[in-house]
N, C-alpha and C. Protein backbone atom coordinates (compact mmCIF):
# COMPACT_ATOMS: atom_id res chain seq x y z
N MET A 1 -4.25 -58.21 -49.88
CA MET A 1 -5.29 -59.19 -50.15
C MET A 1 -5.44 -59.37 -51.66
N ALA A 2 -5.54 -60.61 -52.09
CA ALA A 2 -5.73 -60.90 -53.52
C ALA A 2 -7.14 -60.51 -53.95
N ILE A 3 -7.28 -60.17 -55.20
CA ILE A 3 -8.58 -59.82 -55.74
C ILE A 3 -9.46 -61.06 -55.88
N LEU A 4 -8.89 -62.15 -56.35
CA LEU A 4 -9.63 -63.40 -56.53
C LEU A 4 -9.10 -64.47 -55.59
N ASP A 5 -10.00 -65.29 -55.07
CA ASP A 5 -9.61 -66.41 -54.24
C ASP A 5 -9.43 -67.66 -55.09
N HIS A 6 -10.36 -67.90 -56.00
CA HIS A 6 -10.26 -69.04 -56.90
C HIS A 6 -11.19 -68.84 -58.09
N VAL A 7 -10.95 -69.65 -59.13
CA VAL A 7 -11.75 -69.63 -60.35
C VAL A 7 -12.14 -71.06 -60.65
N GLU A 8 -13.38 -71.26 -61.09
CA GLU A 8 -13.83 -72.60 -61.46
C GLU A 8 -14.64 -72.52 -62.75
N PHE A 9 -14.43 -73.53 -63.61
CA PHE A 9 -15.24 -73.60 -64.81
C PHE A 9 -15.44 -75.04 -65.23
N ALA A 10 -16.49 -75.26 -66.02
CA ALA A 10 -16.83 -76.59 -66.50
C ALA A 10 -15.95 -76.97 -67.68
N VAL A 11 -15.67 -78.26 -67.78
CA VAL A 11 -14.95 -78.84 -68.91
C VAL A 11 -15.70 -80.08 -69.36
N SER A 12 -15.47 -80.50 -70.58
CA SER A 12 -16.22 -81.65 -71.09
C SER A 12 -15.75 -82.97 -70.49
N ASP A 13 -14.48 -83.06 -70.09
CA ASP A 13 -13.94 -84.27 -69.47
C ASP A 13 -12.89 -83.84 -68.45
N SER A 14 -13.28 -83.84 -67.18
CA SER A 14 -12.38 -83.29 -66.15
C SER A 14 -11.10 -84.10 -66.00
N ALA A 15 -11.14 -85.40 -66.25
CA ALA A 15 -9.92 -86.20 -66.13
C ALA A 15 -8.91 -85.80 -67.20
N VAL A 16 -9.37 -85.62 -68.42
CA VAL A 16 -8.50 -85.20 -69.52
C VAL A 16 -7.96 -83.80 -69.24
N SER A 17 -8.83 -82.89 -68.86
CA SER A 17 -8.41 -81.51 -68.60
C SER A 17 -7.47 -81.43 -67.40
N CYS A 18 -7.71 -82.24 -66.38
CA CYS A 18 -6.84 -82.23 -65.21
C CYS A 18 -5.42 -82.64 -65.61
N LYS A 19 -5.30 -83.68 -66.41
CA LYS A 19 -3.97 -84.11 -66.87
C LYS A 19 -3.29 -83.00 -67.67
N PHE A 20 -4.06 -82.33 -68.54
CA PHE A 20 -3.51 -81.22 -69.32
C PHE A 20 -2.99 -80.12 -68.40
N TYR A 21 -3.83 -79.64 -67.47
CA TYR A 21 -3.42 -78.54 -66.60
C TYR A 21 -2.27 -78.93 -65.68
N GLU A 22 -2.27 -80.15 -65.18
CA GLU A 22 -1.14 -80.60 -64.35
C GLU A 22 0.17 -80.49 -65.12
N ALA A 23 0.19 -80.96 -66.36
CA ALA A 23 1.42 -80.94 -67.16
C ALA A 23 1.77 -79.52 -67.59
N ALA A 24 0.79 -78.77 -68.07
CA ALA A 24 1.06 -77.43 -68.61
C ALA A 24 1.49 -76.45 -67.53
N LEU A 25 0.93 -76.58 -66.32
CA LEU A 25 1.22 -75.61 -65.27
C LEU A 25 2.33 -76.05 -64.31
N GLN A 26 2.83 -77.27 -64.49
CA GLN A 26 3.91 -77.77 -63.64
C GLN A 26 5.12 -76.85 -63.63
N PRO A 27 5.53 -76.27 -64.78
CA PRO A 27 6.69 -75.36 -64.74
C PRO A 27 6.49 -74.15 -63.82
N LEU A 28 5.24 -73.79 -63.54
CA LEU A 28 4.95 -72.65 -62.66
C LEU A 28 4.82 -73.08 -61.20
N GLY A 29 4.99 -74.37 -60.94
CA GLY A 29 4.85 -74.86 -59.58
C GLY A 29 3.39 -75.11 -59.19
N ILE A 30 2.50 -75.11 -60.16
CA ILE A 30 1.08 -75.34 -59.91
C ILE A 30 0.80 -76.82 -60.16
N GLY A 31 0.14 -77.46 -59.20
CA GLY A 31 -0.16 -78.87 -59.33
C GLY A 31 -1.51 -79.21 -58.75
N LEU A 32 -1.89 -80.46 -58.89
CA LEU A 32 -3.15 -80.95 -58.36
C LEU A 32 -3.09 -80.95 -56.84
N VAL A 33 -4.07 -80.32 -56.21
CA VAL A 33 -4.15 -80.26 -54.76
C VAL A 33 -5.20 -81.25 -54.25
N VAL A 34 -6.35 -81.30 -54.92
CA VAL A 34 -7.44 -82.16 -54.46
C VAL A 34 -8.33 -82.55 -55.63
N SER A 35 -8.83 -83.78 -55.58
CA SER A 35 -9.84 -84.24 -56.51
C SER A 35 -11.02 -84.75 -55.69
N VAL A 36 -12.22 -84.42 -56.13
CA VAL A 36 -13.44 -84.86 -55.46
C VAL A 36 -14.26 -85.61 -56.50
N ASP A 37 -14.53 -86.89 -56.22
CA ASP A 37 -15.24 -87.67 -57.23
C ASP A 37 -16.74 -87.39 -57.21
N ALA A 38 -17.41 -87.87 -58.24
CA ALA A 38 -18.83 -87.59 -58.44
C ALA A 38 -19.70 -88.07 -57.29
N SER A 39 -19.28 -89.13 -56.61
CA SER A 39 -20.10 -89.63 -55.49
C SER A 39 -20.17 -88.63 -54.34
N LYS A 40 -19.18 -87.77 -54.25
CA LYS A 40 -19.17 -86.77 -53.17
C LYS A 40 -19.76 -85.43 -53.59
N THR A 41 -19.77 -85.15 -54.90
CA THR A 41 -20.30 -83.87 -55.35
C THR A 41 -21.78 -83.95 -55.70
N GLY A 42 -22.24 -85.17 -55.99
CA GLY A 42 -23.62 -85.31 -56.44
C GLY A 42 -23.78 -84.98 -57.91
N LYS A 43 -22.71 -84.59 -58.52
CA LYS A 43 -22.69 -84.26 -59.95
C LYS A 43 -21.43 -84.89 -60.53
N GLY A 44 -20.66 -84.13 -61.25
CA GLY A 44 -19.42 -84.64 -61.82
C GLY A 44 -18.23 -84.43 -60.91
N ALA A 45 -17.10 -84.99 -61.32
CA ALA A 45 -15.86 -84.84 -60.57
C ALA A 45 -15.37 -83.40 -60.61
N ARG A 46 -14.64 -83.01 -59.56
CA ARG A 46 -14.03 -81.69 -59.48
C ARG A 46 -12.56 -81.88 -59.14
N HIS A 47 -11.71 -81.02 -59.75
CA HIS A 47 -10.27 -81.08 -59.49
C HIS A 47 -9.80 -79.66 -59.18
N GLY A 48 -9.05 -79.52 -58.08
CA GLY A 48 -8.51 -78.23 -57.68
C GLY A 48 -7.01 -78.22 -57.81
N LEU A 49 -6.49 -77.25 -58.55
CA LEU A 49 -5.05 -77.10 -58.74
C LEU A 49 -4.59 -75.81 -58.09
N GLY A 50 -3.36 -75.81 -57.60
CA GLY A 50 -2.84 -74.60 -56.98
C GLY A 50 -1.42 -74.80 -56.50
N VAL A 51 -1.00 -73.93 -55.59
CA VAL A 51 0.32 -74.01 -54.98
C VAL A 51 0.17 -74.00 -53.46
N ASN A 52 1.17 -74.52 -52.79
CA ASN A 52 1.19 -74.52 -51.32
C ASN A 52 -0.06 -75.14 -50.71
N GLY A 53 -0.62 -76.15 -51.36
CA GLY A 53 -1.75 -76.87 -50.79
C GLY A 53 -3.10 -76.18 -50.90
N TYR A 54 -3.18 -75.07 -51.63
CA TYR A 54 -4.45 -74.36 -51.75
C TYR A 54 -4.89 -74.31 -53.21
N PRO A 55 -6.06 -74.88 -53.53
CA PRO A 55 -6.53 -74.89 -54.91
C PRO A 55 -7.13 -73.54 -55.32
N THR A 56 -6.56 -72.95 -56.35
CA THR A 56 -7.08 -71.66 -56.85
C THR A 56 -7.71 -71.79 -58.22
N LEU A 57 -7.45 -72.91 -58.90
CA LEU A 57 -8.07 -73.19 -60.19
C LEU A 57 -8.84 -74.50 -60.05
N TRP A 58 -10.15 -74.42 -60.23
CA TRP A 58 -11.01 -75.60 -60.16
C TRP A 58 -11.62 -75.87 -61.51
N ILE A 59 -11.66 -77.14 -61.89
CA ILE A 59 -12.36 -77.56 -63.09
C ILE A 59 -13.33 -78.67 -62.68
N HIS A 60 -14.46 -78.74 -63.37
CA HIS A 60 -15.43 -79.78 -63.04
C HIS A 60 -16.12 -80.29 -64.30
N ASP A 61 -16.57 -81.55 -64.20
CA ASP A 61 -17.32 -82.14 -65.30
C ASP A 61 -18.60 -81.35 -65.52
N GLY A 62 -18.94 -81.20 -66.76
CA GLY A 62 -20.15 -80.48 -67.10
C GLY A 62 -20.13 -80.18 -68.57
N ALA A 63 -20.88 -79.20 -68.92
CA ALA A 63 -20.88 -78.76 -70.31
C ALA A 63 -19.50 -78.24 -70.67
N GLN A 64 -19.27 -78.12 -71.96
CA GLN A 64 -17.99 -77.57 -72.40
C GLN A 64 -17.81 -76.17 -71.82
N ALA A 65 -16.58 -75.81 -71.57
CA ALA A 65 -16.26 -74.50 -71.01
C ALA A 65 -16.86 -73.39 -71.86
N SER A 66 -17.14 -72.29 -71.21
CA SER A 66 -17.75 -71.15 -71.89
C SER A 66 -16.90 -70.68 -73.05
N GLN A 67 -17.56 -70.43 -74.16
CA GLN A 67 -16.85 -69.93 -75.33
C GLN A 67 -16.26 -68.56 -74.99
N GLY A 68 -15.01 -68.38 -75.36
CA GLY A 68 -14.35 -67.11 -75.11
C GLY A 68 -13.66 -67.01 -73.76
N LEU A 69 -13.70 -68.08 -72.96
CA LEU A 69 -13.06 -68.07 -71.64
C LEU A 69 -11.55 -67.92 -71.81
N HIS A 70 -10.95 -67.07 -70.99
CA HIS A 70 -9.52 -66.80 -71.01
C HIS A 70 -9.01 -66.80 -69.57
N VAL A 71 -7.97 -67.59 -69.31
CA VAL A 71 -7.36 -67.65 -67.99
C VAL A 71 -5.89 -67.33 -68.15
N ALA A 72 -5.37 -66.39 -67.36
CA ALA A 72 -3.97 -66.00 -67.45
C ALA A 72 -3.27 -66.25 -66.11
N PHE A 73 -2.08 -66.84 -66.19
CA PHE A 73 -1.25 -67.12 -65.03
C PHE A 73 0.01 -66.28 -65.11
N SER A 74 0.49 -65.85 -63.97
CA SER A 74 1.68 -65.03 -63.88
C SER A 74 2.92 -65.91 -63.74
N ALA A 75 3.98 -65.51 -64.41
CA ALA A 75 5.27 -66.20 -64.31
C ALA A 75 6.34 -65.19 -63.90
N ALA A 76 7.29 -65.66 -63.10
CA ALA A 76 8.36 -64.79 -62.63
C ALA A 76 9.40 -64.50 -63.70
N THR A 77 9.55 -65.43 -64.66
CA THR A 77 10.58 -65.26 -65.69
C THR A 77 10.03 -65.62 -67.07
N ARG A 78 10.71 -65.14 -68.07
CA ARG A 78 10.35 -65.49 -69.44
C ARG A 78 10.61 -66.97 -69.72
N ALA A 79 11.62 -67.51 -69.09
CA ALA A 79 11.92 -68.94 -69.27
C ALA A 79 10.75 -69.80 -68.80
N LEU A 80 10.05 -69.37 -67.76
CA LEU A 80 8.88 -70.11 -67.29
C LEU A 80 7.73 -70.02 -68.28
N VAL A 81 7.59 -68.88 -68.95
CA VAL A 81 6.58 -68.75 -70.01
C VAL A 81 6.88 -69.76 -71.11
N ASP A 82 8.15 -69.82 -71.52
CA ASP A 82 8.57 -70.77 -72.55
C ASP A 82 8.31 -72.21 -72.10
N ALA A 83 8.64 -72.52 -70.85
CA ALA A 83 8.46 -73.87 -70.33
C ALA A 83 6.98 -74.25 -70.30
N PHE A 84 6.12 -73.32 -69.90
CA PHE A 84 4.67 -73.57 -69.94
C PHE A 84 4.23 -73.92 -71.36
N TRP A 85 4.62 -73.09 -72.31
CA TRP A 85 4.18 -73.26 -73.70
C TRP A 85 4.61 -74.63 -74.23
N ASN A 86 5.85 -74.99 -73.99
CA ASN A 86 6.35 -76.30 -74.42
C ASN A 86 5.61 -77.44 -73.74
N ALA A 87 5.41 -77.35 -72.43
CA ALA A 87 4.71 -78.40 -71.69
C ALA A 87 3.25 -78.50 -72.12
N ALA A 88 2.62 -77.36 -72.35
CA ALA A 88 1.21 -77.36 -72.77
C ALA A 88 1.05 -78.00 -74.14
N LEU A 89 1.93 -77.69 -75.07
CA LEU A 89 1.85 -78.29 -76.40
C LEU A 89 2.14 -79.79 -76.33
N ALA A 90 3.08 -80.18 -75.51
CA ALA A 90 3.43 -81.60 -75.37
C ALA A 90 2.30 -82.40 -74.73
N SER A 91 1.43 -81.72 -73.98
CA SER A 91 0.34 -82.43 -73.31
C SER A 91 -1.00 -82.28 -74.03
N GLY A 92 -0.96 -81.86 -75.29
CA GLY A 92 -2.18 -81.83 -76.10
C GLY A 92 -2.78 -80.46 -76.33
N GLY A 93 -2.16 -79.41 -75.81
CA GLY A 93 -2.66 -78.06 -76.06
C GLY A 93 -2.42 -77.65 -77.50
N VAL A 94 -3.17 -76.68 -77.95
CA VAL A 94 -3.05 -76.16 -79.31
C VAL A 94 -2.47 -74.75 -79.24
N ASP A 95 -1.42 -74.52 -80.02
CA ASP A 95 -0.77 -73.21 -80.04
C ASP A 95 -1.78 -72.12 -80.38
N ASN A 96 -1.80 -71.09 -79.55
CA ASN A 96 -2.66 -69.93 -79.80
C ASN A 96 -1.86 -68.64 -79.69
N GLY A 97 -0.53 -68.76 -79.74
CA GLY A 97 0.35 -67.61 -79.66
C GLY A 97 1.66 -67.99 -79.01
N ALA A 98 2.70 -68.13 -79.80
CA ALA A 98 4.01 -68.54 -79.30
C ALA A 98 4.55 -67.50 -78.32
N PRO A 99 5.48 -67.91 -77.46
CA PRO A 99 6.09 -66.96 -76.51
C PRO A 99 6.70 -65.77 -77.24
N GLY A 100 6.45 -64.60 -76.69
CA GLY A 100 7.02 -63.39 -77.27
C GLY A 100 6.49 -62.14 -76.59
N ILE A 101 7.08 -61.02 -76.96
CA ILE A 101 6.68 -59.71 -76.44
C ILE A 101 5.37 -59.29 -77.11
N ARG A 102 4.45 -58.77 -76.32
CA ARG A 102 3.18 -58.24 -76.83
C ARG A 102 3.17 -56.74 -76.54
N THR A 103 3.78 -55.98 -77.46
CA THR A 103 3.93 -54.53 -77.24
C THR A 103 2.59 -53.81 -77.21
N ARG A 104 1.55 -54.43 -77.70
CA ARG A 104 0.23 -53.78 -77.63
C ARG A 104 -0.21 -53.58 -76.18
N TYR A 105 0.37 -54.38 -75.25
CA TYR A 105 0.08 -54.20 -73.82
C TYR A 105 1.13 -53.31 -73.18
N HIS A 106 2.41 -53.67 -73.32
CA HIS A 106 3.53 -52.81 -72.94
C HIS A 106 4.83 -53.50 -73.37
N ASP A 107 5.92 -52.79 -73.29
CA ASP A 107 7.20 -53.27 -73.84
C ASP A 107 7.80 -54.48 -73.14
N HIS A 108 7.28 -54.85 -71.97
CA HIS A 108 7.84 -55.99 -71.23
C HIS A 108 6.82 -57.11 -71.04
N TYR A 109 5.72 -57.07 -71.78
CA TYR A 109 4.66 -58.09 -71.65
C TYR A 109 5.04 -59.29 -72.50
N TYR A 110 5.62 -60.30 -71.85
CA TYR A 110 6.09 -61.51 -72.52
C TYR A 110 5.12 -62.62 -72.19
N ALA A 111 4.44 -63.13 -73.21
CA ALA A 111 3.37 -64.10 -72.96
C ALA A 111 3.34 -65.19 -74.01
N ALA A 112 2.67 -66.28 -73.65
CA ALA A 112 2.39 -67.37 -74.57
C ALA A 112 0.95 -67.82 -74.33
N TYR A 113 0.31 -68.31 -75.38
CA TYR A 113 -1.10 -68.70 -75.33
C TYR A 113 -1.28 -70.10 -75.91
N VAL A 114 -2.11 -70.88 -75.24
CA VAL A 114 -2.42 -72.24 -75.69
C VAL A 114 -3.91 -72.48 -75.45
N LEU A 115 -4.55 -73.20 -76.37
CA LEU A 115 -5.93 -73.62 -76.17
C LEU A 115 -5.92 -74.97 -75.47
N ASP A 116 -6.70 -75.09 -74.40
CA ASP A 116 -6.79 -76.35 -73.66
C ASP A 116 -7.69 -77.33 -74.42
N PRO A 117 -7.94 -78.54 -73.90
CA PRO A 117 -8.74 -79.52 -74.62
C PRO A 117 -10.15 -79.06 -74.98
N ASP A 118 -10.68 -78.06 -74.27
CA ASP A 118 -12.01 -77.52 -74.57
C ASP A 118 -11.97 -76.19 -75.31
N GLY A 119 -10.79 -75.74 -75.68
CA GLY A 119 -10.67 -74.48 -76.40
C GLY A 119 -10.54 -73.25 -75.52
N VAL A 120 -10.35 -73.44 -74.20
CA VAL A 120 -10.11 -72.31 -73.30
C VAL A 120 -8.74 -71.72 -73.63
N ASN A 121 -8.68 -70.41 -73.74
CA ASN A 121 -7.43 -69.71 -74.03
C ASN A 121 -6.64 -69.54 -72.74
N VAL A 122 -5.57 -70.32 -72.59
CA VAL A 122 -4.75 -70.28 -71.38
C VAL A 122 -3.48 -69.50 -71.72
N GLU A 123 -3.20 -68.52 -70.90
CA GLU A 123 -2.03 -67.63 -71.09
C GLU A 123 -1.13 -67.71 -69.88
N VAL A 124 0.17 -67.63 -70.11
CA VAL A 124 1.13 -67.39 -69.05
C VAL A 124 1.93 -66.17 -69.46
N VAL A 125 2.07 -65.23 -68.51
CA VAL A 125 2.71 -63.96 -68.83
C VAL A 125 3.75 -63.59 -67.77
N CYS A 126 4.86 -63.05 -68.25
CA CYS A 126 5.88 -62.46 -67.39
C CYS A 126 5.94 -60.98 -67.75
N GLN A 127 5.71 -60.12 -66.77
CA GLN A 127 5.71 -58.69 -67.02
C GLN A 127 6.95 -58.00 -66.46
N ALA A 128 7.89 -58.78 -65.99
CA ALA A 128 9.13 -58.22 -65.45
C ALA A 128 10.05 -57.77 -66.57
N GLN A 129 10.85 -56.76 -66.32
CA GLN A 129 11.85 -56.34 -67.29
C GLN A 129 12.93 -57.40 -67.34
N PRO A 130 13.47 -57.66 -68.56
CA PRO A 130 14.51 -58.69 -68.68
C PRO A 130 15.80 -58.28 -67.97
């Protein structure tokens, strides 16, 4: 059983953030599963992204995301970490740590970090041995 079922946080513009996450996470096979417009939520729009038809990352219109928020995604290979970083930068993300080994965690912790449109620290990590 997984520890978490899903995560949701507010963003300043869910349409902008949804486009960013769709592009940045596409190399990991994560895509938009469902969007719910404001008329159905009674508040702002909500977008759920995930794999296999199940949304595990939700973003919604609201205040800017919490300062210091960090979301990390797992990748099977280092090449996928690189692909995420390139896709995230191409879709408007801000470099917050180029792909590389982070020995402070362990000798095989290969990760990249990008700030999303609201400054959320998004990480993709591969912990497999090369």
